[in-house]
Amino acid sequence: MRNWDAVRAFLEVARTGSFRAAALGLKVSVNTLRRQIEEMEDDACITLFTRHASGARPTKEAERMLAAAKRMEMASYDLLRAQSVAADIRGEVRLSVTEVLGTVWLVPQMVEFQRQHPDLLIDLQCSMRPHDVMKMECDIALQLIPPECNDLRSLRIGRIHVMPFASQAYLARYGKPQSRDDFAGHRLVLQACDQLNSFGFERAFPGISQVGLVSLRTNSPMAHLRAVRCGAGIGALATFAGKFAGLEPVDLDWRDAADVWLIYHPDLAKTKRVRLVIDWLIEALSPRQHPWFSDDFIHPRDLPDDVAGLSLSRL
């Protein structure tokens, strides 16, 4: 092989089935990616992909090369991890976290942590799309689904409980429903995104169309939180988020929960700065200190009004 970039291009096209999607994923132009594939085909004297209306399909020869290319990819990640382990606490740690958990909860807690470690740069990636720790998309991930790779370390460090909330302005105008059957004249706000999707709308309202009942559906949990605060409708939120936002809980038999998983590669945990962030995350989501992350549901009215000496308005 002339270069590793050609192998990466080959793997990305095989995974996505599209030259355009692969180019976007690798942040190169389509022409650059095609040239890399052509170089690899010239070196191997074979055709790697056939073009179809549905996309690019690997040839039989390409399929035989995929396993070796994947091993090369894993070896490159091992090299990157070995380089990272050799570094000290000064440097960067890439943390992937769900949007509300990162924005509403971790960022306020992060200020004091970074004051104690001024040479540590945390690259906070707030997204509902799980990042792949194995592919080095991030160093540490906090997500609501367990990892599928056995080579990673995963630790369930808490649970997020979800229930309906509404703004005081909304309830003053429309009243508070007493049951799921009491939704005539009410409006809902839903989030439709990876890891946390629509808060079980189909289970709560079986056979009922969202049109006419749902006022807003968004893929952004923060837009969803903002919409509920602005009075767009009743929305399902994490109990800590609804409490911190000053919203009113709506007591219905309509709750959900999701485990919070801390995921990292065991080799990177040997790095002092990564280990430091891992320990801080376990502390920041400790159910002993922060009861809204406990396994058992605690009603928002029974949650404390301050966190680590900070009032909720400060958070």
Protein backbone atom coordinates (compact mmCIF):
# COMPACT_ATOMS: atom_id res chain seq x y z
CA MET A 1 0.00 0.00 0.00
CA ARG A 2 1.25 3.46 -0.87
CA ASN A 3 -0.40 5.10 2.16
CA TRP A 4 -2.73 4.48 5.06
CA ASP A 5 -5.23 7.09 3.81
CA ALA A 6 -6.15 4.80 0.93
CA VAL A 7 -6.96 1.98 3.36
CA ARG A 8 -9.10 4.33 5.46
CA ALA A 9 -10.95 5.43 2.32
CA PHE A 10 -11.52 1.79 1.36
CA LEU A 11 -12.94 0.96 4.80
CA GLU A 12 -15.20 4.02 4.89
CA VAL A 13 -16.70 3.34 1.45
CA ALA A 14 -17.27 -0.30 2.41
CA ARG A 15 -19.04 0.76 5.62
CA THR A 16 -21.20 3.53 4.18
CA GLY A 17 -21.84 2.11 0.71
CA SER A 18 -21.34 5.60 -0.72
CA PHE A 19 -18.36 7.56 -2.01
CA ARG A 20 -20.02 10.85 -1.04
CA ALA A 21 -20.89 9.71 2.51
CA ALA A 22 -17.38 8.30 2.96
CA ALA A 23 -15.83 11.59 1.83
CA LEU A 24 -17.98 13.52 4.29
CA GLY A 25 -16.99 11.15 7.11
CA LEU A 26 -13.29 11.51 6.32
CA LYS A 27 -13.58 15.27 5.65
CA VAL A 28 -12.03 15.04 2.17
CA SER A 29 -13.39 15.82 -1.27
CA VAL A 30 -15.06 13.10 -3.31
CA ASN A 31 -12.35 13.45 -5.97
CA THR A 32 -9.60 12.94 -3.37
CA LEU A 33 -11.34 9.85 -2.04
CA ARG A 34 -11.83 8.41 -5.54
CA ARG A 35 -8.13 8.97 -6.27
CA GLN A 36 -7.17 7.12 -3.07
CA ILE A 37 -9.40 4.17 -4.04
CA GLU A 38 -7.91 4.13 -7.55
CA GLU A 39 -4.38 4.06 -6.08
CA MET A 40 -5.33 1.10 -3.93
CA GLU A 41 -6.88 -0.68 -6.93
CA ASP A 42 -3.72 -0.05 -8.97
CA ASP A 43 -1.52 -1.46 -6.19
CA ALA A 44 -3.66 -4.58 -5.81
CA CYS A 45 -4.49 -4.90 -9.54
CA ILE A 46 -8.18 -5.47 -8.75
CA THR A 47 -11.49 -3.61 -8.76
CA LEU A 48 -12.65 -2.83 -5.23
CA PHE A 49 -16.20 -1.54 -5.79
CA THR A 50 -18.98 -1.82 -8.33
CA ARG A 51 -21.43 1.07 -8.69
CA HIS A 52 -25.17 0.42 -8.37
CA ALA A 53 -28.24 2.61 -8.05
CA SER A 54 -28.27 1.79 -4.33
CA GLY A 55 -24.61 2.73 -3.88
CA ALA A 56 -21.10 1.23 -4.00
CA ARG A 57 -20.77 -2.50 -3.29
CA PRO A 58 -17.47 -4.27 -2.49
CA THR A 59 -16.39 -6.87 -5.00
CA LYS A 60 -15.55 -10.40 -3.84
CA GLU A 61 -11.87 -9.50 -3.94
CA ALA A 62 -12.52 -6.44 -1.78
CA GLU A 63 -14.47 -8.48 0.75
CA ARG A 64 -11.44 -10.74 1.20
CA MET A 65 -9.33 -7.65 1.97
CA LEU A 66 -11.73 -6.12 4.49
CA ALA A 67 -10.65 -8.23 7.49
CA ALA A 68 -6.97 -7.33 6.96
CA ALA A 69 -7.84 -3.65 6.52
CA LYS A 70 -9.82 -3.67 9.77
CA ARG A 71 -6.84 -5.21 11.58
CA MET A 72 -4.66 -2.39 10.21
CA GLU A 73 -7.21 0.12 11.52
CA MET A 74 -7.20 -1.43 15.01
CA ALA A 75 -3.39 -1.42 15.00
CA SER A 76 -3.37 2.29 14.15
CA TYR A 77 -5.67 2.98 17.11
CA ASP A 78 -3.37 0.94 19.37
CA LEU A 79 -0.47 3.14 18.25
CA LEU A 80 -2.42 6.33 19.02
CA ARG A 81 -3.38 5.02 22.45
CA ALA A 82 0.24 4.07 23.19
CA GLN A 83 1.33 7.61 22.29
CA SER A 84 -1.35 9.07 24.56
CA VAL A 85 -0.37 6.88 27.52
CA ALA A 86 3.15 8.26 27.31
CA ALA A 87 1.89 11.81 27.96
CA ASP A 88 1.35 13.43 31.36
CA ILE A 89 -1.60 15.32 32.86
CA ARG A 90 -1.01 18.31 30.56
CA GLY A 91 -3.02 17.90 27.38
CA GLU A 92 -6.44 17.18 25.96
CA VAL A 93 -9.19 14.71 26.89
CA ARG A 94 -12.11 14.24 24.49
CA LEU A 95 -15.34 13.57 26.33
CA SER A 96 -18.53 12.55 24.54
CA VAL A 97 -21.77 13.04 26.48
CA THR A 98 -25.48 13.38 25.83
CA GLU A 99 -26.65 16.94 25.26
CA VAL A 100 -28.64 17.70 28.43
CA LEU A 101 -26.32 15.76 30.73
CA GLY A 102 -23.34 17.65 29.37
CA THR A 103 -24.90 21.12 29.14
CA VAL A 104 -27.18 21.21 32.18
CA TRP A 105 -25.20 19.09 34.62
CA LEU A 106 -21.51 18.66 33.77
CA VAL A 107 -20.57 22.13 32.52
CA PRO A 108 -21.41 23.91 35.82
CA GLN A 109 -19.50 21.22 37.73
CA MET A 110 -16.56 21.48 35.35
CA VAL A 111 -15.58 25.03 36.29
CA GLU A 112 -14.04 24.14 39.67
CA PHE A 113 -12.46 20.97 38.24
CA GLN A 114 -10.66 22.99 35.58
CA ARG A 115 -9.53 25.58 38.12
CA GLN A 116 -7.75 22.75 39.90
CA HIS A 117 -6.22 21.47 36.64
CA PRO A 118 -5.50 24.52 34.43
CA ASP A 119 -3.28 22.57 32.01
CA LEU A 120 -6.07 20.13 31.15
CA LEU A 121 -8.18 20.82 28.06
CA ILE A 122 -11.52 19.00 27.97
CA ASP A 123 -13.00 18.73 24.48
CA LEU A 124 -16.69 18.33 25.39
CA GLN A 125 -18.68 16.77 22.55
CA CYS A 126 -22.39 17.07 23.40
CA SER A 127 -24.37 14.88 21.04
CA MET A 128 -27.11 12.27 21.10
CA ARG A 129 -25.15 10.21 18.56
CA PRO A 130 -22.95 7.77 20.48
CA HIS A 131 -19.28 8.30 19.66
CA ASP A 132 -17.13 5.25 19.01
CA VAL A 133 -14.44 4.97 21.69
CA MET A 134 -12.85 2.02 19.91
CA LYS A 135 -12.34 4.10 16.76
CA MET A 136 -10.82 6.94 18.81
CA GLU A 137 -13.71 9.32 18.09
CA CYS A 138 -13.41 10.23 21.78
CA ASP A 139 -11.38 9.17 24.82
CA ILE A 140 -14.32 8.78 27.21
CA ALA A 141 -18.03 8.44 26.51
CA LEU A 142 -21.05 8.96 28.74
CA GLN A 143 -24.03 7.44 26.98
CA LEU A 144 -27.42 5.88 27.65
CA ILE A 145 -26.77 2.59 25.85
CA PRO A 146 -24.12 -0.01 26.79
CA PRO A 147 -21.20 -0.58 24.40
CA GLU A 148 -21.18 -3.53 22.03
CA CYS A 149 -17.39 -4.00 22.04
CA ASN A 150 -15.96 -6.33 24.70
CA ASP A 151 -12.52 -4.69 24.44
CA LEU A 152 -13.83 -1.54 26.16
CA ARG A 153 -14.38 -0.92 29.85
CA SER A 154 -17.94 0.02 30.71
CA LEU A 155 -19.32 1.05 34.06
CA ARG A 156 -22.93 1.87 34.91
CA ILE A 157 -22.51 4.92 37.13
CA GLY A 158 -26.07 6.16 37.50
CA ARG A 159 -29.59 6.30 36.15
CA ILE A 160 -31.56 9.17 34.65
CA HIS A 161 -35.26 9.25 35.50
CA VAL A 162 -37.66 10.95 33.11
CA MET A 163 -41.16 12.32 33.71
CA PRO A 164 -43.44 15.02 32.21
CA PHE A 165 -42.89 18.69 33.05
CA ALA A 166 -44.58 21.93 32.04
CA SER A 167 -43.98 25.62 32.60
CA GLN A 168 -46.11 27.55 35.07
CA ALA A 169 -47.31 29.75 32.22
CA TYR A 170 -48.53 26.70 30.28
CA LEU A 171 -50.36 25.24 33.28
CA ALA A 172 -51.97 28.59 34.08
CA ARG A 173 -53.40 28.68 30.57
CA TYR A 174 -54.33 25.04 29.96
CA GLY A 175 -54.51 23.52 33.45
CA LYS A 176 -52.77 20.37 34.65
CA PRO A 177 -53.93 16.99 33.25
CA GLN A 178 -54.70 14.39 35.90
CA SER A 179 -54.25 11.31 33.69
CA ARG A 180 -53.19 10.31 30.21
CA ASP A 181 -56.87 10.29 29.21
CA ASP A 182 -57.16 13.95 30.23
CA PHE A 183 -55.16 15.36 27.32
CA ALA A 184 -57.98 16.92 25.31
CA GLY A 185 -56.93 20.48 24.60
CA HIS A 186 -53.32 19.87 25.75
CA ARG A 187 -50.14 19.96 23.68
CA LEU A 188 -46.99 17.82 23.88
CA VAL A 189 -43.36 18.50 23.02
CA LEU A 190 -41.33 15.46 21.91
CA GLN A 191 -37.68 14.76 21.20
CA ALA A 192 -36.80 12.28 18.47
CA CYS A 193 -33.07 11.57 18.66
CA ASP A 194 -30.58 8.76 19.17
CA GLN A 195 -30.48 7.16 22.65
CA LEU A 196 -33.67 8.85 23.89
CA ASN A 197 -36.55 8.84 21.45
CA SER A 198 -40.02 10.38 21.98
CA PHE A 199 -40.20 9.18 25.60
CA GLY A 200 -42.32 6.16 24.68
CA PHE A 201 -45.10 8.14 22.97
CA GLU A 202 -46.44 5.01 21.28
CA ARG A 203 -46.64 3.21 24.63
CA ALA A 204 -48.32 6.13 26.38
CA PHE A 205 -50.73 6.98 23.55
CA PRO A 206 -51.20 3.76 21.55
CA GLY A 207 -52.90 4.26 18.21
CA ILE A 208 -53.03 8.06 18.58
CA SER A 209 -51.55 10.26 15.87
CA GLN A 210 -48.98 12.82 16.95
CA VAL A 211 -50.62 15.37 14.66
CA GLY A 212 -53.05 17.42 16.70
CA LEU A 213 -51.48 16.44 20.03
CA VAL A 214 -47.78 17.21 19.50
CA SER A 215 -46.94 20.88 18.98
CA LEU A 216 -43.21 20.41 18.42
CA ARG A 217 -40.88 17.48 17.74
CA THR A 218 -37.15 18.13 17.72
CA ASN A 219 -33.90 16.17 17.50
CA SER A 220 -32.24 18.51 20.01
CA PRO A 221 -32.78 17.79 23.73
CA MET A 222 -31.79 21.39 24.55
CA ALA A 223 -34.34 22.75 22.06
CA HIS A 224 -36.86 20.38 23.66
CA LEU A 225 -36.05 21.74 27.14
CA ARG A 226 -36.24 25.31 25.86
CA ALA A 227 -39.63 24.65 24.22
CA VAL A 228 -41.10 23.31 27.47
CA ARG A 229 -39.76 26.34 29.38
CA CYS A 230 -41.33 28.66 26.79
CA GLY A 231 -44.75 27.03 27.24
CA ALA A 232 -44.95 25.16 23.93
CA GLY A 233 -46.38 22.11 25.71
CA ILE A 234 -45.81 19.32 28.19
CA GLY A 235 -42.51 17.51 27.66
CA ALA A 236 -40.66 14.58 29.18
CA LEU A 237 -37.43 15.65 30.89
CA ALA A 238 -34.83 14.19 33.21
CA THR A 239 -35.96 14.94 36.77
CA PHE A 240 -32.81 16.94 37.52
CA ALA A 241 -33.20 19.00 34.33
CA GLY A 242 -36.84 19.82 35.02
CA LYS A 243 -36.02 20.69 38.62
CA PHE A 244 -33.08 22.92 37.67
CA ALA A 245 -35.14 24.65 34.94
CA GLY A 246 -37.82 25.63 37.46
CA LEU A 247 -40.54 23.61 35.72
CA GLU A 248 -43.59 21.99 37.30
CA PRO A 249 -43.74 18.17 37.32
CA VAL A 250 -46.93 16.71 35.85
CA ASP A 251 -47.86 13.64 37.89
CA LEU A 252 -49.00 10.99 35.44
CA ASP A 253 -48.44 7.26 35.25
CA TRP A 254 -45.96 7.98 32.49
CA ARG A 255 -42.31 7.64 33.48
CA ASP A 256 -39.15 6.20 32.05
CA ALA A 257 -35.50 5.68 33.02
CA ALA A 258 -32.17 5.18 31.28
CA ASP A 259 -28.86 3.93 32.70
CA VAL A 260 -25.79 6.15 32.30
CA TRP A 261 -22.75 4.22 31.03
CA LEU A 262 -19.17 5.39 31.38
CA ILE A 263 -17.08 3.89 28.57
CA TYR A 264 -13.35 4.05 27.91
CA HIS A 265 -10.47 1.97 26.57
CA PRO A 266 -8.42 0.28 29.33
CA ASP A 267 -5.15 1.39 27.73
CA LEU A 268 -6.14 5.06 27.84
CA ALA A 269 -7.11 4.74 31.50
CA LYS A 270 -3.37 4.38 32.21
CA THR A 271 -2.96 7.98 31.10
CA LYS A 272 -2.98 10.25 34.13
CA ARG A 273 -5.18 12.95 32.59
CA VAL A 274 -7.75 10.44 31.29
CA ARG A 275 -7.84 8.64 34.63
CA LEU A 276 -8.34 12.00 36.33
CA VAL A 277 -11.39 12.80 34.18
CA ILE A 278 -12.82 9.28 34.67
CA ASP A 279 -12.62 9.62 38.45
CA TRP A 280 -14.16 13.08 38.30
CA LEU A 281 -17.09 11.83 36.19
CA ILE A 282 -17.80 8.99 38.62
CA GLU A 283 -17.87 11.55 41.44
CA ALA A 284 -19.96 14.06 39.45
CA LEU A 285 -22.67 11.45 38.85
CA SER A 286 -22.46 9.71 42.20
CA PRO A 287 -25.98 8.73 43.39
CA ARG A 288 -24.76 9.08 46.98
CA GLN A 289 -24.15 12.79 46.49
CA HIS A 290 -26.72 13.47 43.79
CA PRO A 291 -29.91 11.46 44.45
CA TRP A 292 -31.47 12.16 41.04
CA PHE A 293 -28.96 9.63 39.62
CA SER A 294 -30.10 6.87 42.02
CA ASP A 295 -31.64 3.63 40.77
CA ASP A 296 -34.90 4.46 42.55
CA PHE A 297 -37.16 7.21 41.26
CA ILE A 298 -37.28 10.28 43.52
CA HIS A 299 -39.98 12.84 42.83
CA PRO A 300 -38.59 16.28 41.87
CA ARG A 301 -40.35 17.91 44.83
CA ASP A 302 -38.24 15.68 47.13
CA LEU A 303 -34.93 16.53 45.45
CA PRO A 304 -32.58 18.99 47.24
CA ASP A 305 -32.64 22.66 46.28
CA ASP A 306 -28.87 23.02 46.06
CA VAL A 307 -25.92 21.08 44.69
CA ALA A 308 -22.47 21.20 46.27
CA GLY A 309 -23.38 24.48 47.95
CA LEU A 310 -24.67 26.07 44.72
CA SER A 311 -28.31 27.11 44.44
CA LEU A 312 -30.24 25.71 41.49
CA SER A 313 -30.49 29.20 40.01
CA ARG A 314 -26.68 29.31 39.89
CA LEU A 315 -26.64 25.96 38.09
